[in-house]
């Protein structure tokens, strides 16, 4: 009997020892899987990147002003029409650039250009801002990027609520403007290389009619010697627009 009590006591001590060992053991939590998708970029990050691209070498126009705005070029063409007008720009020492202007895509802009050309407004003006690989800009009576015709027109581009299908490819003519969407007046630019990053922000309204015309504007850009990174051409070196003639 005494031996039985001793055996039971030993078993009890062994059980207590095992219980204490279990209580002191480390228990690790189950590992959770890491998310597979990265956080979405914020709109602030996206806008900053877009602004950096948009602000790189954009055509400049008039300073902000309160000139009367041209908003109506007459009845809009029907869907079945594709109204084109042709003009010729004679540039001293370079030759004649023929352009097709699309009044279906940008009727107000085209009418404004035709009116100015028909009145002789552009004759004797210059290309004051030229950037090889980008564009040549002219049509400013002051020759420094701040002048205009005395009238502003509605900006016919997507940011201003206008469905303009013309993309800024090499040879496309478009209107320069200041920050306000409806600030374009007389200044225009012709792309010498594809510049689609301008699409939706500037009113493209036509294109060069032939390879010879494109070669002329590209040669002007190659010959230019701007004095800064903004394409500024000294007055004495600005290519002269001898005339702009409306053909039809």
Protein backbone atom coordinates (compact mmCIF):
# COMPACT_ATOMS: atom_id res chain seq x y z
CA UNK A 1 0.00 0.00 0.00
CA UNK A 2 2.84 2.27 0.87
CA UNK A 3 4.50 1.51 -2.47
CA UNK A 4 1.26 2.31 -4.32
CA UNK A 5 1.07 5.73 -2.62
CA UNK A 6 4.66 6.46 -3.62
CA UNK A 7 3.96 5.50 -7.25
CA UNK A 8 0.85 7.71 -7.40
CA UNK A 9 2.85 10.63 -5.97
CA UNK A 10 5.52 10.25 -8.60
CA UNK A 11 2.91 10.18 -11.36
CA UNK A 12 1.29 13.35 -9.96
CA UNK A 13 4.64 15.16 -9.88
CA UNK A 14 5.36 14.11 -13.48
CA UNK A 15 1.97 15.40 -14.64
CA UNK A 16 2.54 18.75 -12.93
CA UNK A 17 5.96 19.09 -14.54
CA UNK A 18 4.55 18.44 -18.03
CA UNK A 19 1.78 20.96 -17.46
CA UNK A 20 4.25 23.71 -16.50
CA UNK A 21 6.39 23.02 -19.57
CA UNK A 22 3.38 23.43 -21.85
CA UNK A 23 2.48 26.77 -20.29
CA UNK A 24 5.95 28.24 -20.99
CA UNK A 25 6.15 27.17 -24.66
CA UNK A 26 6.20 29.93 -27.40
CA UNK A 27 3.18 30.01 -29.74
CA UNK A 28 3.60 31.77 -33.12
CA UNK A 29 0.57 33.44 -34.84
CA UNK A 30 -0.39 32.24 -38.30
CA UNK A 31 1.36 34.26 -41.05
CA UNK A 32 -0.92 36.48 -43.16
CA UNK A 33 -0.44 36.84 -46.92
CA UNK A 34 0.89 40.21 -48.17
CA UNK A 35 -1.48 42.20 -50.44
CA UNK A 36 -0.88 41.41 -54.11
CA UNK A 37 -1.92 44.80 -55.50
CA UNK A 38 -0.09 48.09 -55.01
CA UNK A 39 -1.98 51.14 -53.75
CA UNK A 40 -3.64 53.17 -56.51
CA UNK A 41 -1.85 56.37 -57.45
CA UNK A 42 -3.51 59.51 -56.19
CA UNK A 43 -4.94 62.07 -58.60
CA UNK A 44 -2.44 64.59 -57.28
CA UNK A 45 0.46 62.44 -58.50
CA UNK A 46 -1.11 61.93 -61.92
CA UNK A 47 -1.91 65.59 -62.38
CA UNK A 48 1.60 66.63 -61.48
CA UNK A 49 3.06 64.34 -64.16
CA UNK A 50 0.60 65.60 -66.76
CA UNK A 51 1.30 69.22 -65.93
CA UNK A 52 5.04 68.64 -66.29
CA UNK A 53 4.52 67.29 -69.80
CA UNK A 54 1.99 69.92 -70.79
CA UNK A 55 4.17 72.80 -69.65
CA UNK A 56 7.20 71.65 -71.65
CA UNK A 57 7.50 74.01 -74.59
CA UNK A 58 3.87 74.83 -75.18
CA UNK A 59 3.03 77.55 -77.71
CA UNK A 60 2.55 80.88 -76.04
CA UNK A 61 -0.11 83.40 -76.90
CA UNK A 62 -1.42 86.73 -75.73
CA UNK A 63 -1.29 88.05 -72.23
CA UNK A 64 -4.63 87.74 -70.42
CA UNK A 65 -6.97 90.47 -71.57
CA UNK A 66 -10.62 91.37 -71.95
CA UNK A 67 -10.92 91.73 -75.70
CA UNK A 68 -14.23 90.97 -77.40
CA UNK A 69 -14.60 87.24 -78.11
CA UNK A 70 -15.69 85.89 -81.49
CA UNK A 71 -18.09 83.03 -80.75
CA UNK A 72 -20.07 82.48 -83.94
CA UNK A 73 -18.78 81.71 -87.41
CA UNK A 74 -22.22 81.28 -88.93
CA UNK A 75 -24.30 78.11 -89.45
CA UNK A 76 -22.45 74.91 -88.56
CA UNK A 77 -21.83 72.53 -91.49
CA UNK A 78 -23.91 69.37 -91.67
CA UNK A 79 -22.41 65.98 -90.85
CA UNK A 80 -22.22 65.08 -94.55
CA UNK A 81 -20.03 68.08 -95.37
CA UNK A 82 -16.29 68.42 -94.97
CA UNK A 83 -15.67 72.07 -95.64
CA UNK A 84 -12.07 72.86 -96.59
CA UNK A 85 -10.47 76.18 -97.44
CA UNK A 86 -7.04 76.67 -98.97
CA UNK A 87 -4.54 79.42 -98.21
CA UNK A 88 -0.97 80.13 -99.24
CA UNK A 89 1.66 81.68 -96.99
CA UNK A 90 4.63 83.19 -98.83
CA UNK A 91 7.68 83.21 -96.55
CA UNK A 92 10.65 85.31 -97.60
CA UNK A 93 13.73 83.28 -98.64
CA UNK A 94 11.83 80.00 -98.24
CA UNK A 95 8.88 79.82 -100.60
CA UNK A 96 5.15 79.14 -100.44
CA UNK A 97 3.41 77.00 -97.85
CA UNK A 98 -0.03 75.79 -98.91
CA UNK A 99 -2.50 74.93 -96.16
CA UNK A 100 -5.87 73.23 -96.01
CA UNK A 101 -8.11 74.64 -93.30
CA UNK A 102 -10.89 72.43 -91.93
CA UNK A 103 -13.98 74.51 -91.18
CA UNK A 104 -15.87 71.39 -90.17
CA UNK A 105 -13.50 70.70 -87.28
CA UNK A 106 -12.98 74.32 -86.17
CA UNK A 107 -15.37 76.75 -87.91
CA UNK A 108 -14.76 79.75 -85.65
CA UNK A 109 -10.99 79.41 -85.83
CA UNK A 110 -10.96 78.98 -89.60
CA UNK A 111 -13.25 81.95 -90.18
CA UNK A 112 -11.08 84.10 -87.95
CA UNK A 113 -7.94 83.13 -89.88
CA UNK A 114 -9.63 83.71 -93.25
CA UNK A 115 -10.86 87.13 -92.14
CA UNK A 116 -7.41 88.20 -90.95
CA UNK A 117 -5.69 86.83 -94.04
CA UNK A 118 -8.23 88.45 -96.36
CA UNK A 119 -7.72 91.83 -94.72
CA UNK A 120 -3.95 91.66 -95.17
CA UNK A 121 -3.38 91.48 -91.41
CA UNK A 122 -0.63 88.87 -91.66
CA UNK A 123 1.29 90.48 -94.53
CA UNK A 124 4.72 91.58 -93.32
CA UNK A 125 4.50 89.84 -89.92
CA UNK A 126 7.02 87.23 -88.82
CA UNK A 127 7.65 83.91 -87.12
CA UNK A 128 8.95 85.12 -83.76
CA UNK A 129 9.20 81.81 -81.89
CA UNK A 130 10.77 78.71 -83.42
CA UNK A 131 11.73 75.41 -81.82
CA UNK A 132 13.27 72.74 -84.03
CA UNK A 133 11.59 69.40 -83.46
CA UNK A 134 8.42 71.14 -82.26
CA UNK A 135 6.89 74.11 -84.10
CA UNK A 136 7.21 77.56 -85.68
CA UNK A 137 4.96 80.32 -84.28
CA UNK A 138 3.97 83.60 -85.89
CA UNK A 139 1.16 86.05 -86.56
CA UNK A 140 1.98 88.54 -83.82
CA UNK A 141 1.98 92.21 -84.95
CA UNK A 142 4.35 93.03 -82.08
CA UNK A 143 6.75 90.23 -82.93
CA UNK A 144 7.30 89.19 -79.32
CA UNK A 145 4.42 86.86 -78.44
CA UNK A 146 2.15 89.41 -76.73
CA UNK A 147 0.27 90.97 -79.64
CA UNK A 148 -2.98 90.12 -81.36
CA UNK A 149 -5.69 91.33 -83.68
CA UNK A 150 -7.76 93.14 -81.06
CA UNK A 151 -10.29 90.31 -80.85
CA UNK A 152 -10.29 86.93 -79.11
CA UNK A 153 -12.07 83.78 -80.29
CA UNK A 154 -13.58 80.75 -78.63
CA UNK A 155 -11.07 77.95 -78.11
CA UNK A 156 -12.27 75.00 -80.19
CA UNK A 157 -10.66 72.14 -78.28
CA UNK A 158 -11.70 69.43 -75.83
CA UNK A 159 -10.76 71.22 -72.60
CA UNK A 160 -13.14 73.98 -73.66
CA UNK A 161 -15.96 71.59 -74.51
CA UNK A 162 -15.36 71.36 -78.26
CA UNK A 163 -15.02 68.08 -80.15
CA UNK A 164 -12.06 68.81 -82.41
CA UNK A 165 -10.76 65.65 -84.15
CA UNK A 166 -7.53 67.12 -85.59
CA UNK A 167 -4.41 65.78 -83.89
CA UNK A 168 -1.23 67.82 -83.64
CA UNK A 169 0.83 65.87 -86.14
CA UNK A 170 3.71 67.24 -88.19
CA UNK A 171 2.35 69.88 -90.58
CA UNK A 172 -0.76 70.74 -88.55
CA UNK A 173 -1.59 74.42 -87.99
CA UNK A 174 -3.09 75.43 -84.64
CA UNK A 175 -3.84 78.57 -82.65
CA UNK A 176 -1.55 79.84 -79.91
CA UNK A 177 -3.20 81.20 -76.78
CA UNK A 178 -2.56 82.46 -73.26
CA UNK A 179 -3.84 80.60 -70.19
CA UNK A 180 -7.54 81.53 -70.65
CA UNK A 181 -9.17 79.06 -73.03
CA UNK A 182 -10.78 81.82 -75.12
CA UNK A 183 -7.68 83.98 -75.51
CA UNK A 184 -6.53 83.01 -79.04
CA UNK A 185 -6.47 85.93 -81.45
CA UNK A 186 -4.09 86.03 -84.41
CA UNK A 187 -1.04 84.02 -83.39
CA UNK A 188 -0.76 80.55 -84.87
CA UNK A 189 1.83 77.81 -85.01
CA UNK A 190 2.67 75.01 -87.43
CA UNK A 191 4.01 71.75 -86.00
CA UNK A 192 7.24 70.52 -87.57
CA UNK A 193 7.03 67.21 -85.69
CA UNK A 194 4.27 65.14 -84.09
CA UNK A 195 3.14 66.91 -80.90
CA UNK A 196 0.06 65.00 -79.81
CA UNK A 197 0.51 66.10 -76.19
CA UNK A 198 -1.13 69.37 -77.31
CA UNK A 199 -4.33 67.58 -78.40
CA UNK A 200 -7.40 68.77 -76.57
CA UNK A 201 -5.64 71.92 -75.34
CA UNK A 202 -5.15 73.96 -78.52
CA UNK A 203 -7.42 74.57 -81.51
CA UNK A 204 -5.89 72.75 -84.47
CA UNK A 205 -7.65 73.86 -87.64
CA UNK A 206 -5.78 72.56 -90.68
CA UNK A 207 -2.61 71.06 -92.13
CA UNK A 208 -0.02 71.57 -94.86
CA UNK A 209 -1.36 70.48 -98.23
CA UNK A 210 1.77 68.82 -99.61
CA UNK A 211 5.24 67.48 -98.80
CA UNK A 212 6.92 70.58 -100.22
CA UNK A 213 5.08 72.79 -97.76
CA UNK A 214 6.05 70.54 -94.85
CA UNK A 215 9.67 70.59 -95.99
CA UNK A 216 9.64 74.40 -95.95
CA UNK A 217 8.38 74.74 -92.38
CA UNK A 218 10.81 72.07 -91.21
CA UNK A 219 13.69 73.89 -92.91
CA UNK A 220 12.70 77.13 -91.18
CA UNK A 221 12.89 75.31 -87.85
CA UNK A 222 16.30 73.81 -88.67
CA UNK A 223 17.75 77.18 -89.71
CA UNK A 224 16.48 79.04 -86.63
CA UNK A 225 18.91 80.19 -83.95
CA UNK A 226 16.80 80.93 -80.86
CA UNK A 227 18.47 82.86 -78.05
CA UNK A 228 16.83 80.84 -75.27
CA UNK A 229 15.10 77.54 -74.52
CA UNK A 230 11.74 79.11 -75.30
CA UNK A 231 12.45 79.51 -79.01
CA UNK A 232 12.80 83.30 -79.00
CA UNK A 233 14.15 84.60 -82.30
CA UNK A 234 15.80 88.06 -82.43
CA UNK A 235 13.73 90.52 -84.45
CA UNK A 236 16.31 90.89 -87.21
CA UNK A 237 16.39 87.11 -87.73
CA UNK A 238 12.65 86.37 -87.73
CA UNK A 239 11.43 84.81 -91.01
CA UNK A 240 9.05 87.23 -92.70
CA UNK A 241 5.51 86.37 -93.85
CA UNK A 242 5.32 88.33 -97.09
CA UNK A 243 1.66 87.48 -97.69
CA UNK A 244 -1.17 85.13 -96.80
CA UNK A 245 -3.59 84.59 -99.68
CA UNK A 246 -7.00 82.93 -99.41
CA UNK A 247 -7.53 80.67 -102.43
CA UNK A 248 -11.04 79.45 -101.61
